[in-house]
Amino acid sequence: MTRRPANPLIGRDDPQLGLFDEPDGARPNEEAHAKELEALASRLPAKLRFGTSSWTFPGWAGLVYRKRYPSQRAFLRESLAEYAAHPLMGTVGIDRSYYAPIPEEDLSLYAEQVPDGFRCAMKVWQKVTTPVFPKHPRYGADAGQKNPSFLDPVLFFEEVYEPVSRAFGSAMGPWVLEVPPTPGALDPGWFATQLGRFLGAVPNTFPFAVEIRDRRLMTPGYAAVLERHDATHVFNYWSRMPPIAEQSRVPGLLRGSVCVVRLLLPPGTKYAELKDAYAPFDRIVEPQPAMRSDVTRLVQEALARDMEVYVLVNNKAEGSSPLTVRALAELLAR
């Protein structure tokens, strides 16, 4: 097996190292690259925000990151500031909040690293968004069982909303309410009713973007609930959902003041397989021209309706989130 060279941006996990080991200065080609990105960003609409799903990928050296970090720990803690300074990045997806509520100390650290006007899209804890726990060992005795806390507004308010509001409110964009597919069929009518009760009981200080992973839930009742509570549908590019173009034709889904697009997995693919195939996420491996066209048309329509648009890209969409962001930005800048 060929061993990849050590990433030049990250040093050893050595507590004796200083905070940063800055390069002597940007090389001429880096300066030219930065100016190209700034020029591209200047041609994009003010209400369009590009970003990625999370940001802690050492393989983005040269694409997003140019500083030298003394350790992996330092990179994880401090790299959001450099990410948020990238000309094309106006948002980022915070995914770790899906697995457990983020401690307030970490939320404060994140908030300190992003500039005024930068907005984060944060996933809601899976204990609130999962109807049935997956049959996976990490769920222990709950694996395969119905979740009694599904769309529980009290749990959301106490464990998720309040800490985020206190420590992170100024940096918040939309909540991403990801509802994963469940074993067996989830009744669409029951789901729409539960969603409506939840949205009617929680604070709407920050917008809600609902991401369903089961096409059967994409009903007129679901669209009506979103409209009633001024929430939005997440137009997701995901292996088992219809193409974004098809989702955008469903009456009532493109509405309100915010449009959220999440580009995740090409049709018929699996996350783990692409993670291994695409690492370290420093190049486009499988371009998706149809997806790019769908996103371009959707974003143009949303902007024409004066909506604020969030486009969040996962590495597994094409191989490298920052490069997909740039390709989309170039299409929209035309």
Foldseek 3Di string as FASTA:
>chain_A
DDDDDDQQQEAAPDPPDDAFDFDPDDDPVLVVVQVVQLVLLVLFDPLEAEEAADDQFSLCDVLQDPTRGHHSVSSNQQVLLSNQPRSRHQEYEDEVQQADNDDLVSLLSNQVRHDQNRAYAYEHHVLQQEQAADQDCVVPPRHRHGRPNHLPQVCCVPGPVPSCCVRHVRRHAEYEREYEDHPDDDDLVVVLVSLLVSLVPHDVSHAYEYEYPAQVNLDPSNLVSCVVNQHAYEQEQDQRYDASLVSVPRPNRLDHQEYHYEYDAHHPDDDVVLVVVQPSLNDFDADDVVNLVSVLVSVVVSVVVNHRYYYYYYCNRGRHSSVVSVVSSVVNSD
